[in-house]
Amino acid sequence: MSRLKNIKENDLLPEREFTPDNVELFFYNAVLWNAHRIHYDFPYATEVEGYPGLVIAGPQLGDWLTQTAIEWLADDGKLVSVEYSNRKASYIGETLRSGGKVSSVNVENGEVELELYIMNEADEVITPGSATVRFATA
């Protein structure tokens, strides 16, 4: 409970950087059984679909947001919920970063609301999200 009492609205979460490569993208989509060719077939993604490169999978961005919240929380509680929306595509070769801030703190029930994001190299939020975490009371 002592850490929770020190958390304030607008506290920043540490940023994390990601520069996914073709192998990481392939394995991620293989685990999901996602066979959409925009994630592994460069000629198809660029020539047929018109993307500038291989597209990072939307669920992968959501997983990075989830990891951002969980790593900030550490062993002090649990993730209650997470929501996100992919607003703009990202591509292999881009360096992305995730982070966020505390949007509200409820000391009585131990819950903290987080505002999360993934930004591209142009500092555009491509995946906004939110999470609720609950700190252990014992």
C-alpha atoms as a PDB file:
ATOM      1  CA  MET A   1       0.000   0.000   0.000  1.00  0.00           C
ATOM      2  CA  SER A   2       2.928   2.352   0.600  1.00  0.00           C
ATOM      3  CA  ARG A   3       3.766   2.652  -3.121  1.00  0.00           C
ATOM      4  CA  LEU A   4       0.138   3.413  -3.974  1.00  0.00           C
ATOM      5  CA  LYS A   5       0.083   6.372  -1.578  1.00  0.00           C
ATOM      6  CA  ASN A   6       3.040   7.902  -3.450  1.00  0.00           C
ATOM      7  CA  ILE A   7       1.397   7.669  -6.883  1.00  0.00           C
ATOM      8  CA  LYS A   8      -0.102  10.896  -8.160  1.00  0.00           C
ATOM      9  CA  GLU A   9      -2.245  11.871 -11.125  1.00  0.00           C
ATOM     10  CA  ASN A  10      -0.073  12.729 -14.171  1.00  0.00           C
ATOM     11  CA  ASP A  11       2.895  10.637 -12.950  1.00  0.00           C
ATOM     12  CA  LEU A  12       4.675   9.360 -16.053  1.00  0.00           C
ATOM     13  CA  LEU A  13       5.299   5.704 -16.786  1.00  0.00           C
ATOM     14  CA  PRO A  14       8.731   4.791 -18.152  1.00  0.00           C
ATOM     15  CA  GLU A  15       8.904   4.746 -21.929  1.00  0.00           C
ATOM     16  CA  ARG A  16       9.908   1.584 -23.775  1.00  0.00           C
ATOM     17  CA  GLU A  17      11.339   1.466 -27.305  1.00  0.00           C
ATOM     18  CA  PHE A  18      10.711  -1.191 -29.937  1.00  0.00           C
ATOM     19  CA  THR A  19      12.294  -1.674 -33.334  1.00  0.00           C
ATOM     20  CA  PRO A  20      10.714  -4.906 -34.517  1.00  0.00           C
ATOM     21  CA  ASP A  21      12.329  -6.819 -37.334  1.00  0.00           C
ATOM     22  CA  ASN A  22      11.046  -9.326 -39.893  1.00  0.00           C
ATOM     23  CA  VAL A  23      11.778 -12.341 -37.696  1.00  0.00           C
ATOM     24  CA  GLU A  24       9.952 -10.956 -34.657  1.00  0.00           C
ATOM     25  CA  LEU A  25       6.971  -9.987 -36.809  1.00  0.00           C
ATOM     26  CA  PHE A  26       6.888 -13.423 -38.463  1.00  0.00           C
ATOM     27  CA  PHE A  27       7.012 -15.309 -35.157  1.00  0.00           C
ATOM     28  CA  TYR A  28       4.407 -13.086 -33.510  1.00  0.00           C
ATOM     29  CA  ASN A  29       1.951 -13.665 -36.334  1.00  0.00           C
ATOM     30  CA  ALA A  30       2.770 -17.369 -36.477  1.00  0.00           C
ATOM     31  CA  VAL A  31       1.814 -17.735 -32.815  1.00  0.00           C
ATOM     32  CA  LEU A  32      -1.514 -16.027 -33.555  1.00  0.00           C
ATOM     33  CA  TRP A  33      -2.021 -18.100 -36.707  1.00  0.00           C
ATOM     34  CA  ASN A  34      -2.360 -14.769 -38.509  1.00  0.00           C
ATOM     35  CA  ALA A  35      -1.653 -15.520 -42.160  1.00  0.00           C
ATOM     36  CA  HIS A  36      -2.359 -12.056 -43.554  1.00  0.00           C
ATOM     37  CA  ARG A  37       0.394 -11.508 -46.100  1.00  0.00           C
ATOM     38  CA  ILE A  38       0.953  -7.835 -45.189  1.00  0.00           C
ATOM     39  CA  HIS A  39       2.907  -9.104 -42.180  1.00  0.00           C
ATOM     40  CA  TYR A  40       5.424 -11.339 -43.998  1.00  0.00           C
ATOM     41  CA  ASP A  41       5.252 -10.942 -47.795  1.00  0.00           C
ATOM     42  CA  PHE A  42       7.013  -7.685 -48.724  1.00  0.00           C
ATOM     43  CA  PRO A  43       6.090  -7.678 -52.438  1.00  0.00           C
ATOM     44  CA  TYR A  44       2.449  -8.368 -51.594  1.00  0.00           C
ATOM     45  CA  ALA A  45       2.342  -5.715 -48.850  1.00  0.00           C
ATOM     46  CA  THR A  46       3.915  -3.042 -51.047  1.00  0.00           C
ATOM     47  CA  GLU A  47       2.770  -3.877 -54.574  1.00  0.00           C
ATOM     48  CA  VAL A  48      -0.715  -5.279 -53.969  1.00  0.00           C
ATOM     49  CA  GLU A  49      -1.854  -3.595 -50.738  1.00  0.00           C
ATOM     50  CA  GLY A  50       0.154  -0.374 -51.283  1.00  0.00           C
ATOM     51  CA  TYR A  51       1.877  -0.241 -47.889  1.00  0.00           C
ATOM     52  CA  PRO A  52       5.412   1.181 -47.660  1.00  0.00           C
ATOM     53  CA  GLY A  53       6.636  -2.014 -45.952  1.00  0.00           C
ATOM     54  CA  LEU A  54       5.645  -4.966 -43.807  1.00  0.00           C
ATOM     55  CA  VAL A  55       2.906  -3.967 -41.383  1.00  0.00           C
ATOM     56  CA  ILE A  56       3.331  -4.496 -37.638  1.00  0.00           C
ATOM     57  CA  ALA A  57       0.373  -6.508 -36.327  1.00  0.00           C
ATOM     58  CA  GLY A  58      -2.198  -4.520 -34.360  1.00  0.00           C
ATOM     59  CA  PRO A  59      -2.411  -7.058 -31.521  1.00  0.00           C
ATOM     60  CA  GLN A  60       1.365  -6.770 -31.096  1.00  0.00           C
ATOM     61  CA  LEU A  61       0.945  -3.055 -30.395  1.00  0.00           C
ATOM     62  CA  GLY A  62      -1.738  -3.905 -27.844  1.00  0.00           C
ATOM     63  CA  ASP A  63       0.602  -6.388 -26.194  1.00  0.00           C
ATOM     64  CA  TRP A  64       3.279  -3.697 -25.889  1.00  0.00           C
ATOM     65  CA  LEU A  65       0.764  -1.398 -24.186  1.00  0.00           C
ATOM     66  CA  THR A  66      -0.155  -4.200 -21.794  1.00  0.00           C
ATOM     67  CA  GLN A  67       3.523  -4.843 -21.046  1.00  0.00           C
ATOM     68  CA  THR A  68       4.044  -1.139 -20.336  1.00  0.00           C
ATOM     69  CA  ALA A  69       1.334  -1.216 -17.651  1.00  0.00           C
ATOM     70  CA  ILE A  70       2.440  -4.545 -16.171  1.00  0.00           C
ATOM     71  CA  GLU A  71       6.112  -3.558 -15.970  1.00  0.00           C
ATOM     72  CA  TRP A  72       5.186  -0.283 -14.230  1.00  0.00           C
ATOM     73  CA  LEU A  73       2.954  -2.165 -11.765  1.00  0.00           C
ATOM     74  CA  ALA A  74       5.635  -4.832 -11.169  1.00  0.00           C
ATOM     75  CA  ASP A  75       4.700  -7.300  -8.421  1.00  0.00           C
ATOM     76  CA  ASP A  76       2.572  -4.781  -6.535  1.00  0.00           C
ATOM     77  CA  GLY A  77      -0.792  -5.863  -7.934  1.00  0.00           C
ATOM     78  CA  LYS A  78      -2.563  -7.020 -11.064  1.00  0.00           C
ATOM     79  CA  LEU A  79      -3.821  -5.725 -14.365  1.00  0.00           C
ATOM     80  CA  VAL A  80      -7.616  -5.451 -14.249  1.00  0.00           C
ATOM     81  CA  SER A  81      -8.363  -4.260 -17.780  1.00  0.00           C
ATOM     82  CA  VAL A  82      -6.782  -2.833 -20.898  1.00  0.00           C
ATOM     83  CA  GLU A  83      -8.288  -1.187 -23.965  1.00  0.00           C
ATOM     84  CA  TYR A  84      -6.623   0.195 -27.072  1.00  0.00           C
ATOM     85  CA  SER A  85      -7.348   1.291 -30.603  1.00  0.00           C
ATOM     86  CA  ASN A  86      -4.953   1.084 -33.536  1.00  0.00           C
ATOM     87  CA  ARG A  87      -5.246   4.398 -35.375  1.00  0.00           C
ATOM     88  CA  LYS A  88      -2.338   4.326 -37.811  1.00  0.00           C
ATOM     89  CA  ALA A  89      -0.224   1.551 -39.297  1.00  0.00           C
ATOM     90  CA  SER A  90       3.433   1.070 -38.431  1.00  0.00           C
ATOM     91  CA  TYR A  91       6.090  -0.758 -40.386  1.00  0.00           C
ATOM     92  CA  ILE A  92       9.235  -2.825 -40.019  1.00  0.00           C
ATOM     93  CA  GLY A  93      12.203  -0.515 -39.560  1.00  0.00           C
ATOM     94  CA  GLU A  94      10.364   2.074 -37.499  1.00  0.00           C
ATOM     95  CA  THR A  95      11.321   2.633 -33.887  1.00  0.00           C
ATOM     96  CA  LEU A  96       8.193   2.849 -31.795  1.00  0.00           C
ATOM     97  CA  ARG A  97       7.874   3.781 -28.160  1.00  0.00           C
ATOM     98  CA  SER A  98       5.256   3.096 -25.568  1.00  0.00           C
ATOM     99  CA  GLY A  99       4.531   4.933 -22.368  1.00  0.00           C
ATOM    100  CA  GLY A 100       1.786   6.600 -20.464  1.00  0.00           C
ATOM    101  CA  LYS A 101       0.718   8.463 -17.396  1.00  0.00           C
ATOM    102  CA  VAL A 102      -1.468   8.026 -14.359  1.00  0.00           C
ATOM    103  CA  SER A 103      -4.903   9.458 -15.084  1.00  0.00           C
ATOM    104  CA  SER A 104      -6.498   8.763 -11.677  1.00  0.00           C
ATOM    105  CA  VAL A 105      -5.743   7.169  -8.328  1.00  0.00           C
ATOM    106  CA  ASN A 106      -8.295   5.639  -5.974  1.00  0.00           C
ATOM    107  CA  VAL A 107      -6.471   4.813  -2.753  1.00  0.00           C
ATOM    108  CA  GLU A 108      -9.605   3.381  -1.145  1.00  0.00           C
ATOM    109  CA  ASN A 109     -10.008   0.507  -3.618  1.00  0.00           C
ATOM    110  CA  GLY A 110      -6.357   0.402  -4.684  1.00  0.00           C
ATOM    111  CA  GLU A 111      -7.096   1.107  -8.346  1.00  0.00           C
ATOM    112  CA  VAL A 112      -5.082   3.290 -10.670  1.00  0.00           C
ATOM    113  CA  GLU A 113      -6.215   4.308 -14.147  1.00  0.00           C
ATOM    114  CA  LEU A 114      -3.488   4.642 -16.757  1.00  0.00           C
ATOM    115  CA  GLU A 115      -3.519   6.477 -20.066  1.00  0.00           C
ATOM    116  CA  LEU A 116      -1.233   4.601 -22.472  1.00  0.00           C
ATOM    117  CA  TYR A 117       0.193   5.226 -25.927  1.00  0.00           C
ATOM    118  CA  ILE A 118       2.419   3.957 -28.679  1.00  0.00           C
ATOM    119  CA  MET A 119       4.095   6.665 -30.746  1.00  0.00           C
ATOM    120  CA  ASN A 120       5.906   6.437 -34.033  1.00  0.00           C
ATOM    121  CA  GLU A 121       9.123   8.244 -34.985  1.00  0.00           C
ATOM    122  CA  ALA A 122       7.097  11.342 -35.969  1.00  0.00           C
ATOM    123  CA  ASP A 123       5.761  11.542 -32.378  1.00  0.00           C
ATOM    124  CA  GLU A 124       2.277  10.623 -33.569  1.00  0.00           C
ATOM    125  CA  VAL A 125       0.177   8.508 -31.228  1.00  0.00           C
ATOM    126  CA  ILE A 126      -0.645   5.522 -33.405  1.00  0.00           C
ATOM    127  CA  THR A 127      -2.178   3.381 -30.658  1.00  0.00           C
ATOM    128  CA  PRO A 128      -3.858   5.120 -27.729  1.00  0.00           C
ATOM    129  CA  GLY A 129      -5.072   3.016 -24.859  1.00  0.00           C
ATOM    130  CA  SER A 130      -5.959   2.797 -21.212  1.00  0.00           C
ATOM    131  CA  ALA A 131      -5.560   0.329 -18.408  1.00  0.00           C
ATOM    132  CA  THR A 132      -6.811  -0.211 -14.896  1.00  0.00           C
ATOM    133  CA  VAL A 133      -4.477  -1.769 -12.359  1.00  0.00           C
ATOM    134  CA  ARG A 134      -5.262  -2.799  -8.810  1.00  0.00           C
ATOM    135  CA  PHE A 135      -2.623  -2.712  -6.128  1.00  0.00           C
ATOM    136  CA  ALA A 136      -2.553  -5.482  -3.565  1.00  0.00           C
ATOM    137  CA  THR A 137      -3.829  -4.253  -0.193  1.00  0.00           C
ATOM    138  CA  ALA A 138      -1.984  -6.772   1.959  1.00  0.00           C
END
